[in-house]
Structure formats: structure tokens, C-alpha cells
């Protein structure tokens, strides 16, 4: 599954391409990175919060991703 340009430009970046000056804008720790089925490793922007997270979830849903809430103990 491919990510749309909107998601890539506003939400996700390929981890290996994030410049040093932008790393503080992403969840970049090893346990935060996501490996896609394509083998690409991506980092999620940390600029999303409770007030605007539905927008990013809508972007993912429109691209065909399944979004599920996970309870953390």
C-alpha cells in the first residue's frame, strides 16, 4: 500500500531521510519507528495532538489504512 503525498508531506517521513535539524519534529526513537509492508521505515510527526489527531487519522483512512485504538496498560 502506498501513502498519498498529503500524508507523506504532513505526517510521515522516511526515517532515513529526516535531516538532523528536523528530527525533533518526529517520533524518532527505535521503538517509535514503523516498518511498512513495503519495507520502508517511517517516523510519525509529533506535531499532532488531541485537538487535531482526527485529521491525520482521516488521511490514513482515505489511503485505505485501518486505524484502531489500542489500550496501553
Protein backbone atom coordinates (compact mmCIF):
# COMPACT_ATOMS: atom_id res chain seq x y z
CA UNK A 1 0.00 0.00 0.00
CA UNK A 2 1.33 3.43 -0.91
CA UNK A 3 0.89 6.56 1.15
CA UNK A 4 -0.60 9.61 -0.53
CA UNK A 5 1.52 12.71 -0.96
CA UNK A 6 -0.63 14.52 1.60
CA UNK A 7 0.22 12.02 4.31
CA UNK A 8 3.89 11.92 3.39
CA UNK A 9 4.20 15.68 3.35
CA UNK A 10 2.31 16.43 6.56
CA UNK A 11 2.51 13.41 8.79
CA UNK A 12 5.16 10.85 7.95
CA UNK A 13 8.72 10.88 6.73
CA UNK A 14 11.06 8.11 5.74
CA UNK A 15 13.23 7.81 8.84
CA UNK A 16 16.47 7.69 6.88
CA UNK A 17 15.67 10.98 5.11
CA UNK A 18 14.87 13.13 8.15
CA UNK A 19 17.52 15.81 8.44
CA UNK A 20 19.20 16.49 11.77
CA UNK A 21 17.50 19.88 12.10
CA UNK A 22 14.02 18.29 11.69
CA UNK A 23 14.50 15.20 13.86
CA UNK A 24 12.98 16.95 16.88
CA UNK A 25 9.65 17.15 14.99
CA UNK A 26 9.29 13.35 14.70
CA UNK A 27 8.96 10.34 16.99
CA UNK A 28 12.36 9.00 16.01
CA UNK A 29 13.37 6.52 18.74
CA UNK A 30 13.80 2.95 17.52
CA UNK A 31 10.63 1.77 19.29
CA UNK A 32 8.62 4.63 17.69
CA UNK A 33 9.52 3.82 14.08
CA UNK A 34 7.08 1.89 11.91
CA UNK A 35 8.09 -0.60 9.25
CA UNK A 36 5.59 -0.70 6.39
CA UNK A 37 4.82 -3.82 4.36
CA UNK A 38 6.98 -2.31 1.61
CA UNK A 39 9.98 -2.46 3.96
CA UNK A 40 10.15 1.32 4.29
CA UNK A 41 10.73 2.60 7.83
CA UNK A 42 8.80 5.74 8.68
CA UNK A 43 8.61 8.18 11.57
CA UNK A 44 5.41 9.95 12.58
CA UNK A 45 5.32 13.67 13.17
CA UNK A 46 4.97 14.69 16.81
CA UNK A 47 3.10 17.85 15.79
CA UNK A 48 -0.28 16.11 16.11
CA UNK A 49 -2.22 16.24 19.36
CA UNK A 50 -5.64 15.65 20.84
CA UNK A 51 -7.00 18.77 19.13
CA UNK A 52 -6.13 17.74 15.57
CA UNK A 53 -5.42 13.99 15.57
CA UNK A 54 -8.70 13.16 13.82
CA UNK A 55 -7.40 14.96 10.73
CA UNK A 56 -4.38 12.69 10.47
CA UNK A 57 -6.48 9.59 11.13
CA UNK A 58 -8.81 10.66 8.30
CA UNK A 59 -5.79 10.95 5.97
CA UNK A 60 -4.82 7.36 6.81
CA UNK A 61 -8.36 6.03 6.39
CA UNK A 62 -8.66 7.70 2.97
CA UNK A 63 -5.46 5.92 1.91
CA UNK A 64 -7.01 2.57 2.87
CA UNK A 65 -5.27 2.02 6.20
CA UNK A 66 -7.16 0.50 9.10
CA UNK A 67 -6.92 2.67 12.21
CA UNK A 68 -7.58 1.02 15.56
CA UNK A 69 -7.40 2.34 19.10
CA UNK A 70 -5.01 0.39 21.32
CA UNK A 71 -5.23 0.48 25.08
CA UNK A 72 -1.86 0.70 26.81
CA UNK A 73 -1.50 -0.52 30.39
